[in-house]
PDB file of N, CA and C in Angstrom:
ATOM      1  N   MET A   1       0.832  -1.187   0.000  1.00  0.00           N
ATOM      2  CA  MET A   1       0.000   0.000   0.000  1.00  0.00           C
ATOM      3  C   MET A   1       0.869   1.240   0.000  1.00  0.00           C
ATOM      4  N   GLY A   2       0.415   2.273  -0.683  1.00  0.00           N
ATOM      5  CA  GLY A   2       1.159   3.512  -0.738  1.00  0.00           C
ATOM      6  C   GLY A   2       0.513   4.572   0.125  1.00  0.00           C
ATOM      7  N   TYR A   3       1.282   5.580   0.451  1.00  0.00           N
ATOM      8  CA  TYR A   3       0.784   6.653   1.295  1.00  0.00           C
ATOM      9  C   TYR A   3       1.489   7.941   0.913  1.00  0.00           C
ATOM     10  N   GLN A   4       0.749   9.000   0.727  1.00  0.00           N
ATOM     11  CA  GLN A   4       1.307  10.299   0.403  1.00  0.00           C
ATOM     12  C   GLN A   4       0.534  11.353   1.141  1.00  0.00           C
ATOM     13  N   GLU A   5       1.233  12.378   1.582  1.00  0.00           N
ATOM     14  CA  GLU A   5       0.565  13.502   2.206  1.00  0.00           C
ATOM     15  C   GLU A   5       0.911  14.768   1.464  1.00  0.00           C
ATOM     16  N   GLY A   6      -0.011  15.690   1.431  1.00  0.00           N
ATOM     17  CA  GLY A   6       0.248  16.980   0.822  1.00  0.00           C
ATOM     18  C   GLY A   6      -0.583  18.032   1.513  1.00  0.00           C
ATOM     19  N   GLY A   7      -0.339  19.258   1.210  1.00  0.00           N
ATOM     20  CA  GLY A   7      -1.133  20.333   1.773  1.00  0.00           C
ATOM     21  C   GLY A   7      -0.647  20.734   3.149  1.00  0.00           C
ATOM     22  N   LYS A   8      -1.487  21.440   3.852  1.00  0.00           N
ATOM     23  CA  LYS A   8      -1.155  21.944   5.177  1.00  0.00           C
ATOM     24  C   LYS A   8      -1.511  20.891   6.214  1.00  0.00           C
ATOM     25  N   VAL A   9      -0.566  20.079   6.575  1.00  0.00           N
ATOM     26  CA  VAL A   9      -0.832  18.984   7.496  1.00  0.00           C
ATOM     27  C   VAL A   9      -0.397  19.377   8.892  1.00  0.00           C
ATOM     28  N   ASN A  10      -1.287  19.201   9.839  1.00  0.00           N
ATOM     29  CA  ASN A  10      -0.992  19.444  11.241  1.00  0.00           C
ATOM     30  C   ASN A  10      -1.549  18.249  11.998  1.00  0.00           C
ATOM     31  N   ASP A  11      -0.687  17.473  12.642  1.00  0.00           N
ATOM     32  CA  ASP A  11      -1.115  16.244  13.297  1.00  0.00           C
ATOM     33  C   ASP A  11      -2.197  16.477  14.345  1.00  0.00           C
ATOM     34  N   ARG A  12      -2.279  17.667  14.902  1.00  0.00           N
ATOM     35  CA  ARG A  12      -3.307  17.946  15.913  1.00  0.00           C
ATOM     36  C   ARG A  12      -4.668  18.197  15.284  1.00  0.00           C
ATOM     37  N   ASP A  13      -4.693  18.522  14.025  1.00  0.00           N
ATOM     38  CA  ASP A  13      -5.955  18.823  13.342  1.00  0.00           C
ATOM     39  C   ASP A  13      -6.530  17.570  12.724  1.00  0.00           C
ATOM     40  N   SER A  14      -7.789  17.387  12.909  1.00  0.00           N
ATOM     41  CA  SER A  14      -8.498  16.284  12.257  1.00  0.00           C
ATOM     42  C   SER A  14      -9.380  16.866  11.170  1.00  0.00           C
ATOM     43  N   PRO A  15      -9.507  16.161  10.048  1.00  0.00           N
ATOM     44  CA  PRO A  15     -10.372  16.677   8.985  1.00  0.00           C
ATOM     45  C   PRO A  15     -11.827  16.694   9.431  1.00  0.00           C
ATOM     46  N   GLN A  16     -12.573  17.635   8.907  1.00  0.00           N
ATOM     47  CA  GLN A  16     -14.005  17.674   9.190  1.00  0.00           C
ATOM     48  C   GLN A  16     -14.764  16.714   8.290  1.00  0.00           C
ATOM     49  N   MET A  17     -14.152  16.362   7.167  1.00  0.00           N
ATOM     50  CA  MET A  17     -14.776  15.398   6.267  1.00  0.00           C
ATOM     51  C   MET A  17     -13.691  14.767   5.415  1.00  0.00           C
ATOM     52  N   SER A  18     -13.884  13.499   5.097  1.00  0.00           N
ATOM     53  CA  SER A  18     -12.992  12.792   4.180  1.00  0.00           C
ATOM     54  C   SER A  18     -13.744  12.519   2.889  1.00  0.00           C
ATOM     55  N   VAL A  19     -13.060  12.747   1.779  1.00  0.00           N
ATOM     56  CA  VAL A  19     -13.621  12.485   0.455  1.00  0.00           C
ATOM     57  C   VAL A  19     -12.801  11.353  -0.148  1.00  0.00           C
ATOM     58  N   VAL A  20     -13.456  10.256  -0.502  1.00  0.00           N
ATOM     59  CA  VAL A  20     -12.766   9.100  -1.070  1.00  0.00           C
ATOM     60  C   VAL A  20     -13.085   9.030  -2.560  1.00  0.00           C
ATOM     61  N   ILE A  21     -12.023   8.973  -3.362  1.00  0.00           N
ATOM     62  CA  ILE A  21     -12.168   8.945  -4.816  1.00  0.00           C
ATOM     63  C   ILE A  21     -11.328   7.794  -5.353  1.00  0.00           C
ATOM     64  N   VAL A  22     -11.898   7.028  -6.273  1.00  0.00           N
ATOM     65  CA  VAL A  22     -11.174   5.940  -6.923  1.00  0.00           C
ATOM     66  C   VAL A  22     -10.786   6.412  -8.319  1.00  0.00           C
ATOM     67  N   ALA A  23      -9.506   6.241  -8.668  1.00  0.00           N
ATOM     68  CA  ALA A  23      -9.040   6.736  -9.968  1.00  0.00           C
ATOM     69  C   ALA A  23      -7.875   5.917 -10.484  1.00  0.00           C
ATOM     70  N   ASP A  24      -7.773   5.859 -11.809  1.00  0.00           N
ATOM     71  CA  ASP A  24      -6.622   5.204 -12.433  1.00  0.00           C
ATOM     72  C   ASP A  24      -5.531   6.227 -12.724  1.00  0.00           C
ATOM     73  N   HIS A  25      -5.924   7.415 -13.199  1.00  0.00           N
ATOM     74  CA  HIS A  25      -5.005   8.509 -13.509  1.00  0.00           C
ATOM     75  C   HIS A  25      -5.586   9.794 -12.923  1.00  0.00           C
ATOM     76  N   TYR A  26      -4.715  10.711 -12.519  1.00  0.00           N
ATOM     77  CA  TYR A  26      -5.196  11.972 -11.958  1.00  0.00           C
ATOM     78  C   TYR A  26      -6.060  12.731 -12.956  1.00  0.00           C
ATOM     79  N   GLU A  27      -5.733  12.617 -14.223  1.00  0.00           N
ATOM     80  CA  GLU A  27      -6.512  13.316 -15.254  1.00  0.00           C
ATOM     81  C   GLU A  27      -7.989  12.916 -15.202  1.00  0.00           C
ATOM     82  N   THR A  28      -8.263  11.693 -14.813  1.00  0.00           N
ATOM     83  CA  THR A  28      -9.638  11.191 -14.710  1.00  0.00           C
ATOM     84  C   THR A  28     -10.445  11.972 -13.676  1.00  0.00           C
ATOM     85  N   ILE A  29      -9.786  12.423 -12.614  1.00  0.00           N
ATOM     86  CA  ILE A  29     -10.491  13.098 -11.514  1.00  0.00           C
ATOM     87  C   ILE A  29     -10.155  14.588 -11.415  1.00  0.00           C
ATOM     88  N   ARG A  30      -9.390  15.103 -12.351  1.00  0.00           N
ATOM     89  CA  ARG A  30      -8.942  16.508 -12.282  1.00  0.00           C
ATOM     90  C   ARG A  30     -10.114  17.488 -12.136  1.00  0.00           C
ATOM     91  N   LYS A  31     -11.169  17.330 -12.932  1.00  0.00           N
ATOM     92  CA  LYS A  31     -12.318  18.245 -12.864  1.00  0.00           C
ATOM     93  C   LYS A  31     -13.020  18.133 -11.504  1.00  0.00           C
ATOM     94  N   THR A  32     -13.186  16.910 -11.028  1.00  0.00           N
ATOM     95  CA  THR A  32     -13.801  16.701  -9.711  1.00  0.00           C
ATOM     96  C   THR A  32     -12.967  17.362  -8.623  1.00  0.00           C
ATOM     97  N   MET A  33     -11.653  17.196  -8.701  1.00  0.00           N
ATOM     98  CA  MET A  33     -10.768  17.798  -7.708  1.00  0.00           C
ATOM     99  C   MET A  33     -10.842  19.319  -7.753  1.00  0.00           C
ATOM    100  N   ARG A  34     -10.991  19.896  -8.931  1.00  0.00           N
ATOM    101  CA  ARG A  34     -11.141  21.362  -9.030  1.00  0.00           C
ATOM    102  C   ARG A  34     -12.412  21.826  -8.320  1.00  0.00           C
ATOM    103  N   HIS A  35     -13.489  21.065  -8.490  1.00  0.00           N
ATOM    104  CA  HIS A  35     -14.747  21.425  -7.820  1.00  0.00           C
ATOM    105  C   HIS A  35     -14.616  21.298  -6.305  1.00  0.00           C
ATOM    106  N   ILE A  36     -13.952  20.266  -5.851  1.00  0.00           N
ATOM    107  CA  ILE A  36     -13.745  20.097  -4.405  1.00  0.00           C
ATOM    108  C   ILE A  36     -12.843  21.215  -3.884  1.00  0.00           C
ATOM    109  N   ARG A  37     -11.794  21.547  -4.622  1.00  0.00           N
ATOM    110  CA  ARG A  37     -10.867  22.603  -4.215  1.00  0.00           C
ATOM    111  C   ARG A  37     -11.556  23.971  -4.170  1.00  0.00           C
ATOM    112  N   ALA A  38     -12.629  24.141  -4.922  1.00  0.00           N
ATOM    113  CA  ALA A  38     -13.359  25.413  -4.931  1.00  0.00           C
ATOM    114  C   ALA A  38     -14.195  25.616  -3.665  1.00  0.00           C
ATOM    115  N   GLN A  39     -14.334  24.581  -2.856  1.00  0.00           N
ATOM    116  CA  GLN A  39     -15.126  24.680  -1.628  1.00  0.00           C
ATOM    117  C   GLN A  39     -14.393  25.525  -0.589  1.00  0.00           C
ATOM    118  N   THR A  40     -15.136  26.307   0.167  1.00  0.00           N
ATOM    119  CA  THR A  40     -14.515  27.165   1.179  1.00  0.00           C
ATOM    120  C   THR A  40     -13.918  26.364   2.337  1.00  0.00           C
ATOM    121  N   VAL A  41     -14.325  25.132   2.512  1.00  0.00           N
ATOM    122  CA  VAL A  41     -13.824  24.291   3.608  1.00  0.00           C
ATOM    123  C   VAL A  41     -12.658  23.397   3.168  1.00  0.00           C
ATOM    124  N   ARG A  42     -12.087  23.659   2.002  1.00  0.00           N
ATOM    125  CA  ARG A  42     -11.049  22.771   1.449  1.00  0.00           C
ATOM    126  C   ARG A  42      -9.893  22.544   2.414  1.00  0.00           C
ATOM    127  N   ASP A  43      -9.576  23.544   3.228  1.00  0.00           N
ATOM    128  CA  ASP A  43      -8.456  23.394   4.159  1.00  0.00           C
ATOM    129  C   ASP A  43      -8.794  22.522   5.363  1.00  0.00           C
ATOM    130  N   ARG A  44     -10.044  22.046   5.419  1.00  0.00           N
ATOM    131  CA  ARG A  44     -10.467  21.140   6.488  1.00  0.00           C
ATOM    132  C   ARG A  44     -10.846  19.764   5.950  1.00  0.00           C
ATOM    133  N   LEU A  45     -10.532  19.512   4.670  1.00  0.00           N
ATOM    134  CA  LEU A  45     -10.891  18.250   4.022  1.00  0.00           C
ATOM    135  C   LEU A  45      -9.700  17.313   3.899  1.00  0.00           C
ATOM    136  N   GLU A  46      -9.981  16.049   4.079  1.00  0.00           N
ATOM    137  CA  GLU A  46      -9.010  15.000   3.788  1.00  0.00           C
ATOM    138  C   GLU A  46      -9.444  14.359   2.477  1.00  0.00           C
ATOM    139  N   ILE A  47      -8.521  14.249   1.539  1.00  0.00           N
ATOM    140  CA  ILE A  47      -8.795  13.601   0.260  1.00  0.00           C
ATOM    141  C   ILE A  47      -8.075  12.258   0.268  1.00  0.00           C
ATOM    142  N   VAL A  48      -8.817  11.190   0.016  1.00  0.00           N
ATOM    143  CA  VAL A  48      -8.247   9.848  -0.070  1.00  0.00           C
ATOM    144  C   VAL A  48      -8.458   9.372  -1.501  1.00  0.00           C
ATOM    145  N   ILE A  49      -7.361   9.144  -2.190  1.00  0.00           N
ATOM    146  CA  ILE A  49      -7.430   8.666  -3.575  1.00  0.00           C
ATOM    147  C   ILE A  49      -6.989   7.210  -3.593  1.00  0.00           C
ATOM    148  N   VAL A  50      -7.883   6.339  -4.045  1.00  0.00           N
ATOM    149  CA  VAL A  50      -7.598   4.911  -4.143  1.00  0.00           C
ATOM    150  C   VAL A  50      -7.221   4.613  -5.585  1.00  0.00           C
ATOM    151  N   THR A  51      -6.085   3.951  -5.766  1.00  0.00           N
ATOM    152  CA  THR A  51      -5.575   3.685  -7.110  1.00  0.00           C
ATOM    153  C   THR A  51      -4.755   2.404  -7.102  1.00  0.00           C
ATOM    154  N   GLN A  52      -4.491   1.871  -8.265  1.00  0.00           N
ATOM    155  CA  GLN A  52      -3.653   0.680  -8.352  1.00  0.00           C
ATOM    156  C   GLN A  52      -2.176   1.039  -8.301  1.00  0.00           C
ATOM    157  N   SER A  53      -1.802   2.254  -8.685  1.00  0.00           N
ATOM    158  CA  SER A  53      -0.399   2.652  -8.686  1.00  0.00           C
ATOM    159  C   SER A  53      -0.281   4.150  -8.467  1.00  0.00           C
ATOM    160  N   ALA A  54       0.379   4.532  -7.388  1.00  0.00           N
ATOM    161  CA  ALA A  54       0.601   5.955  -7.122  1.00  0.00           C
ATOM    162  C   ALA A  54       1.471   6.569  -8.205  1.00  0.00           C
ATOM    163  N   ASP A  55       2.417   5.809  -8.734  1.00  0.00           N
ATOM    164  CA  ASP A  55       3.295   6.316  -9.791  1.00  0.00           C
ATOM    165  C   ASP A  55       2.511   6.611 -11.070  1.00  0.00           C
ATOM    166  N   ILE A  56       1.632   5.701 -11.458  1.00  0.00           N
ATOM    167  CA  ILE A  56       0.838   5.879 -12.679  1.00  0.00           C
ATOM    168  C   ILE A  56      -0.235   6.948 -12.480  1.00  0.00           C
ATOM    169  N   LEU A  57      -0.730   7.096 -11.246  1.00  0.00           N
ATOM    170  CA  LEU A  57      -1.759   8.102 -10.957  1.00  0.00           C
ATOM    171  C   LEU A  57      -1.323   9.480 -11.445  1.00  0.00           C
ATOM    172  N   GLY A  58      -0.092   9.860 -11.166  1.00  0.00           N
ATOM    173  CA  GLY A  58       0.393  11.162 -11.620  1.00  0.00           C
ATOM    174  C   GLY A  58      -0.196  12.324 -10.847  1.00  0.00           C
ATOM    175  N   LEU A  59      -0.257  12.195  -9.545  1.00  0.00           N
ATOM    176  CA  LEU A  59      -0.803  13.254  -8.689  1.00  0.00           C
ATOM    177  C   LEU A  59       0.010  14.533  -8.848  1.00  0.00           C
ATOM    178  N   ASP A  60      -0.675  15.637  -9.030  1.00  0.00           N
ATOM    179  CA  ASP A  60      -0.037  16.941  -9.147  1.00  0.00           C
ATOM    180  C   ASP A  60      -0.075  17.602  -7.769  1.00  0.00           C
ATOM    181  N   PRO A  61       1.060  17.651  -7.055  1.00  0.00           N
ATOM    182  CA  PRO A  61       1.074  18.206  -5.694  1.00  0.00           C
ATOM    183  C   PRO A  61       0.525  19.626  -5.604  1.00  0.00           C
ATOM    184  N   ALA A  62       0.730  20.425  -6.623  1.00  0.00           N
ATOM    185  CA  ALA A  62       0.225  21.803  -6.604  1.00  0.00           C
ATOM    186  C   ALA A  62      -1.300  21.847  -6.576  1.00  0.00           C
ATOM    187  N   GLU A  63      -1.945  20.858  -7.171  1.00  0.00           N
ATOM    188  CA  GLU A  63      -3.411  20.854  -7.224  1.00  0.00           C
ATOM    189  C   GLU A  63      -4.058  20.355  -5.939  1.00  0.00           C
ATOM    190  N   VAL A  64      -3.275  19.784  -5.038  1.00  0.00           N
ATOM    191  CA  VAL A  64      -3.850  19.278  -3.791  1.00  0.00           C
ATOM    192  C   VAL A  64      -3.268  19.977  -2.562  1.00  0.00           C
ATOM    193  N   ALA A  65      -2.475  21.014  -2.777  1.00  0.00           N
ATOM    194  CA  ALA A  65      -1.783  21.694  -1.682  1.00  0.00           C
ATOM    195  C   ALA A  65      -2.720  22.390  -0.693  1.00  0.00           C
ATOM    196  N   ASP A  66      -3.932  22.738  -1.112  1.00  0.00           N
ATOM    197  CA  ASP A  66      -4.853  23.475  -0.237  1.00  0.00           C
ATOM    198  C   ASP A  66      -5.651  22.591   0.713  1.00  0.00           C
ATOM    199  N   PHE A  67      -5.571  21.273   0.546  1.00  0.00           N
ATOM    200  CA  PHE A  67      -6.332  20.367   1.406  1.00  0.00           C
ATOM    201  C   PHE A  67      -5.564  20.080   2.693  1.00  0.00           C
ATOM    202  N   LEU A  68      -6.296  19.748   3.756  1.00  0.00           N
ATOM    203  CA  LEU A  68      -5.673  19.432   5.041  1.00  0.00           C
ATOM    204  C   LEU A  68      -4.774  18.201   4.929  1.00  0.00           C
ATOM    205  N   HIS A  69      -5.308  17.132   4.366  1.00  0.00           N
ATOM    206  CA  HIS A  69      -4.560  15.892   4.163  1.00  0.00           C
ATOM    207  C   HIS A  69      -4.882  15.347   2.776  1.00  0.00           C
ATOM    208  N   VAL A  70      -3.903  14.731   2.161  1.00  0.00           N
ATOM    209  CA  VAL A  70      -4.124  13.986   0.925  1.00  0.00           C
ATOM    210  C   VAL A  70      -3.420  12.653   1.092  1.00  0.00           C
ATOM    211  N   ARG A  71      -4.171  11.581   0.919  1.00  0.00           N
ATOM    212  CA  ARG A  71      -3.608  10.239   1.046  1.00  0.00           C
ATOM    213  C   ARG A  71      -3.869   9.477  -0.249  1.00  0.00           C
ATOM    214  N   VAL A  72      -2.863   8.794  -0.711  1.00  0.00           N
ATOM    215  CA  VAL A  72      -2.998   7.932  -1.877  1.00  0.00           C
ATOM    216  C   VAL A  72      -2.835   6.502  -1.384  1.00  0.00           C
ATOM    217  N   ILE A  73      -3.868   5.709  -1.578  1.00  0.00           N
ATOM    218  CA  ILE A  73      -3.877   4.318  -1.127  1.00  0.00           C
ATOM    219  C   ILE A  73      -3.821   3.417  -2.355  1.00  0.00           C
ATOM    220  N   GLU A  74      -2.821   2.552  -2.400  1.00  0.00           N
ATOM    221  CA  GLU A  74      -2.703   1.606  -3.511  1.00  0.00           C
ATOM    222  C   GLU A  74      -3.396   0.300  -3.153  1.00  0.00           C
ATOM    223  N   VAL A  75      -4.136  -0.240  -4.125  1.00  0.00           N
ATOM    224  CA  VAL A  75      -4.814  -1.530  -3.973  1.00  0.00           C
ATOM    225  C   VAL A  75      -4.435  -2.410  -5.152  1.00  0.00           C
ATOM    226  N   ASP A  76      -4.628  -3.720  -4.983  1.00  0.00           N
ATOM    227  CA  ASP A  76      -4.269  -4.663  -6.046  1.00  0.00           C
ATOM    228  C   ASP A  76      -5.169  -4.545  -7.268  1.00  0.00           C
ATOM    229  N   ALA A  77      -6.455  -4.335  -7.032  1.00  0.00           N
ATOM    230  CA  ALA A  77      -7.395  -4.301  -8.156  1.00  0.00           C
ATOM    231  C   ALA A  77      -8.529  -3.331  -7.857  1.00  0.00           C
ATOM    232  N   ILE A  78      -9.024  -2.726  -8.913  1.00  0.00           N
ATOM    233  CA  ILE A  78     -10.198  -1.860  -8.822  1.00  0.00           C
ATOM    234  C   ILE A  78     -11.247  -2.457  -9.741  1.00  0.00           C
ATOM    235  N   ILE A  79     -12.387  -2.759  -9.180  1.00  0.00           N
ATOM    236  CA  ILE A  79     -13.465  -3.397  -9.941  1.00  0.00           C
ATOM    237  C   ILE A  79     -14.507  -2.345 -10.296  1.00  0.00           C
ATOM    238  N   SER A  80     -14.817  -2.241 -11.558  1.00  0.00           N
ATOM    239  CA  SER A  80     -15.821  -1.291 -12.021  1.00  0.00           C
ATOM    240  C   SER A  80     -17.215  -1.755 -11.600  1.00  0.00           C
ATOM    241  N   LEU A  81     -18.031  -0.810 -11.190  1.00  0.00           N
ATOM    242  CA  LEU A  81     -19.417  -1.123 -10.828  1.00  0.00           C
ATOM    243  C   LEU A  81     -20.369  -0.982 -12.003  1.00  0.00           C
ATOM    244  N   SER A  82     -19.881  -0.533 -13.140  1.00  0.00           N
ATOM    245  CA  SER A  82     -20.740  -0.307 -14.306  1.00  0.00           C
ATOM    246  C   SER A  82     -21.575  -1.519 -14.706  1.00  0.00           C
ATOM    247  N   PRO A  83     -21.005  -2.732 -14.809  1.00  0.00           N
ATOM    248  CA  PRO A  83     -21.840  -3.880 -15.199  1.00  0.00           C
ATOM    249  C   PRO A  83     -22.978  -4.138 -14.222  1.00  0.00           C
ATOM    250  N   PHE A  84     -22.717  -3.895 -12.940  1.00  0.00           N
ATOM    251  CA  PHE A  84     -23.751  -4.111 -11.923  1.00  0.00           C
ATOM    252  C   PHE A  84     -24.853  -3.062 -12.012  1.00  0.00           C
ATOM    253  N   ARG A  85     -24.470  -1.836 -12.311  1.00  0.00           N
ATOM    254  CA  ARG A  85     -25.451  -0.777 -12.477  1.00  0.00           C
ATOM    255  C   ARG A  85     -26.341  -1.049 -13.679  1.00  0.00           C
ATOM    256  N   ARG A  86     -25.739  -1.488 -14.775  1.00  0.00           N
ATOM    257  CA  ARG A  86     -26.527  -1.816 -15.979  1.00  0.00           C
ATOM    258  C   ARG A  86     -27.498  -2.946 -15.682  1.00  0.00           C
ATOM    259  N   ALA A  87     -27.034  -3.956 -14.984  1.00  0.00           N
ATOM    260  CA  ALA A  87     -27.883  -5.121 -14.666  1.00  0.00           C
ATOM    261  C   ALA A  87     -29.057  -4.704 -13.775  1.00  0.00           C
ATOM    262  N   ALA A  88     -28.827  -3.766 -12.893  1.00  0.00           N
ATOM    263  CA  ALA A  88     -29.884  -3.312 -11.974  1.00  0.00           C
ATOM    264  C   ALA A  88     -30.979  -2.540 -12.705  1.00  0.00           C
ATOM    265  N   ARG A  89     -30.647  -1.936 -13.847  1.00  0.00           N
ATOM    266  CA  ARG A  89     -31.639  -1.155 -14.601  1.00  0.00           C
ATOM    267  C   ARG A  89     -32.518  -2.035 -15.476  1.00  0.00           C
ATOM    268  N   VAL A  90     -32.115  -3.247 -15.705  1.00  0.00           N
ATOM    269  CA  VAL A  90     -32.867  -4.128 -16.604  1.00  0.00           C
ATOM    270  C   VAL A  90     -34.096  -4.653 -15.925  1.00  0.00           C
TER     271      VAL A  90
END
């Protein structure tokens, strides 16, 4: 598992909310991250990005610097929920 921190981290501060995002590449979530970064509470948010490879993700430290914590968690596999969603609509 991988772990990365960015932004203004203070061990005494706890985030008011954690946002968990699953992504293969940072480009996939760039627009979402911009919307989250536009929130006035961004400095109190923890962002958790789940990915198969932190190296392939390509996290841009400048784009996550305003968040309280940023963690990148590596997992062996990411399973898409799309087939299950399609099946549920039938």
